[in-house]
């Protein structure tokens, strides 16, 4: 069963979901799922922060875990344990340096040298509160 789920995740991440048996899916729909940020302090719209304002906030961690598992796990791995398709975010640097890399990448995505998309940008899909909540969750499972 685990191998079939892994294969489904790989096929979905690589854009070959049509090869999956009818009714099969990886870790869910590849359409970004909304993230309910109710309960978090609102951040000023249009003013992007470079440092996580929710660091250590348990509500943000809970919201971030849900948002991560619905939207990021299909490529970055369940419980932030990468299977090798995308960076293992448990090793992302803590603090401001890691925050700056994270917010840049989640907002704008990443492209290969040939211009093809490795990771889509989520600015306009997720609000800043949702992005920082995901960062808070990722930091909670950090590994050295």
Protein backbone atom coordinates (compact mmCIF):
# COMPACT_ATOMS: atom_id res chain seq x y z
CA UNK A 1 0.00 0.00 0.00
CA UNK A 2 2.79 2.45 0.95
CA UNK A 3 4.57 1.87 -2.38
CA UNK A 4 1.37 2.58 -4.31
CA UNK A 5 0.87 5.83 -2.41
CA UNK A 6 4.48 6.83 -3.09
CA UNK A 7 4.09 6.06 -6.79
CA UNK A 8 0.87 8.07 -6.90
CA UNK A 9 2.59 11.02 -5.22
CA UNK A 10 5.52 10.88 -7.64
CA UNK A 11 3.26 10.71 -10.70
CA UNK A 12 1.10 13.59 -9.44
CA UNK A 13 4.13 15.79 -8.67
CA UNK A 14 5.61 15.16 -12.08
CA UNK A 15 2.36 16.05 -13.82
CA UNK A 16 1.43 12.51 -14.80
CA UNK A 17 -1.70 12.19 -12.66
CA UNK A 18 -3.58 11.03 -15.76
CA UNK A 19 -1.59 7.77 -15.57
CA UNK A 20 -3.10 6.97 -12.18
CA UNK A 21 -5.99 4.51 -11.99
CA UNK A 22 -9.43 6.13 -11.92
CA UNK A 23 -10.17 7.47 -8.46
CA UNK A 24 -6.54 7.35 -7.35
CA UNK A 25 -4.74 10.38 -6.00
CA UNK A 26 -1.51 11.26 -4.26
CA UNK A 27 -1.90 13.39 -1.15
CA UNK A 28 -5.03 15.09 -2.43
CA UNK A 29 -6.16 17.40 -5.18
CA UNK A 30 -3.30 19.29 -6.85
CA UNK A 31 -5.44 22.43 -6.82
CA UNK A 32 -4.25 24.63 -3.93
CA UNK A 33 -6.57 24.24 -0.99
CA UNK A 34 -7.67 27.31 0.99
CA UNK A 35 -6.05 27.90 4.37
CA UNK A 36 -8.28 29.29 7.12
CA UNK A 37 -6.16 31.69 9.16
CA UNK A 38 -8.91 32.68 11.62
CA UNK A 39 -7.39 33.13 15.06
CA UNK A 40 -4.12 34.65 13.85
CA UNK A 41 -3.29 38.33 14.17
CA UNK A 42 -3.87 39.94 10.79
CA UNK A 43 -0.80 41.28 9.00
CA UNK A 44 -0.72 44.54 7.07
CA UNK A 45 -1.81 43.85 3.50
CA UNK A 46 0.72 44.67 0.81
CA UNK A 47 3.60 44.92 3.28
CA UNK A 48 5.54 41.67 3.11
CA UNK A 49 7.50 40.77 6.21
CA UNK A 50 10.96 39.22 6.00
CA UNK A 51 10.76 37.56 9.42
CA UNK A 52 8.15 35.16 10.79
CA UNK A 53 5.79 37.07 13.12
CA UNK A 54 4.20 33.84 14.40
CA UNK A 55 7.34 32.00 15.55
CA UNK A 56 6.38 29.82 18.54
CA UNK A 57 2.65 30.56 18.16
CA UNK A 58 0.72 27.31 18.75
CA UNK A 59 -2.35 28.44 16.75
CA UNK A 60 -0.10 29.31 13.80
CA UNK A 61 1.60 25.92 14.08
CA UNK A 62 -1.80 24.16 13.99
CA UNK A 63 -2.98 26.21 10.99
CA UNK A 64 0.37 25.73 9.29
CA UNK A 65 0.29 21.96 9.76
CA UNK A 66 -3.09 21.78 8.08
CA UNK A 67 -2.06 24.14 5.29
CA UNK A 68 1.22 22.31 4.71
CA UNK A 69 -0.40 18.87 4.61
CA UNK A 70 -3.08 20.03 2.18
CA UNK A 71 -0.79 21.96 -0.15
CA UNK A 72 2.90 21.21 0.30
CA UNK A 73 3.12 17.56 1.35
CA UNK A 74 2.46 16.23 -2.14
CA UNK A 75 5.96 17.35 -3.14
CA UNK A 76 7.82 18.12 0.11
CA UNK A 77 6.57 15.00 1.91
CA UNK A 78 4.13 14.10 4.66
CA UNK A 79 5.19 15.50 8.04
CA UNK A 80 7.86 17.52 6.14
CA UNK A 81 9.88 14.38 5.38
CA UNK A 82 10.86 14.67 1.74
CA UNK A 83 11.02 11.61 -0.45
CA UNK A 84 13.58 13.33 -2.66
CA UNK A 85 11.32 15.12 -5.15
CA UNK A 86 11.70 18.49 -3.48
CA UNK A 87 13.92 19.94 -0.76
CA UNK A 88 13.50 18.50 2.72
CA UNK A 89 12.28 21.59 4.54
CA UNK A 90 13.13 20.17 7.97
CA UNK A 91 16.70 21.28 7.26
CA UNK A 92 15.80 24.84 6.27
CA UNK A 93 17.83 27.31 8.31
CA UNK A 94 16.07 28.69 11.38
CA UNK A 95 15.61 32.39 12.03
CA UNK A 96 15.64 35.36 9.71
CA UNK A 97 17.89 33.83 7.02
CA UNK A 98 15.60 30.82 6.66
CA UNK A 99 12.55 33.10 6.82
CA UNK A 100 13.81 35.24 3.95
CA UNK A 101 14.48 32.20 1.74
CA UNK A 102 11.14 30.63 2.65
CA UNK A 103 8.98 33.70 1.98
CA UNK A 104 10.75 34.41 -1.31
CA UNK A 105 10.27 30.83 -2.50
CA UNK A 106 6.65 30.39 -1.39
CA UNK A 107 5.65 33.74 -2.86
CA UNK A 108 7.45 33.47 -6.21
CA UNK A 109 8.17 29.76 -6.66
CA UNK A 110 11.23 28.38 -8.44
CA UNK A 111 12.16 27.69 -12.03
CA UNK A 112 14.73 25.41 -13.63
CA UNK A 113 17.47 26.97 -15.79
CA UNK A 114 15.40 26.11 -18.89
CA UNK A 115 12.51 28.20 -17.51
CA UNK A 116 10.22 25.31 -16.58
CA UNK A 117 8.51 25.45 -13.21
CA UNK A 118 9.92 23.42 -10.32
CA UNK A 119 7.59 25.01 -7.76
CA UNK A 120 4.72 27.40 -8.42
CA UNK A 121 4.51 30.69 -6.57
CA UNK A 122 1.63 31.01 -4.12
CA UNK A 123 1.39 34.80 -3.83
CA UNK A 124 -2.22 35.62 -4.70
CA UNK A 125 -3.30 32.12 -3.70
CA UNK A 126 -2.37 32.17 0.00
CA UNK A 127 -2.31 35.24 2.17
CA UNK A 128 0.79 36.20 4.13
CA UNK A 129 -0.72 34.84 7.35
CA UNK A 130 -1.10 31.39 5.77
CA UNK A 131 2.46 31.41 4.46
CA UNK A 132 3.96 32.35 7.83
CA UNK A 133 1.77 29.76 9.57
CA UNK A 134 3.25 27.09 7.26
CA UNK A 135 6.73 28.36 8.12
CA UNK A 136 5.86 28.11 11.83
CA UNK A 137 4.84 24.47 11.37
CA UNK A 138 7.97 23.66 9.36
CA UNK A 139 10.18 25.18 12.07
CA UNK A 140 8.42 23.03 14.68
CA UNK A 141 9.82 19.87 13.02
CA UNK A 142 13.27 21.30 12.25
CA UNK A 143 16.26 18.93 12.08
CA UNK A 144 19.97 19.80 12.21
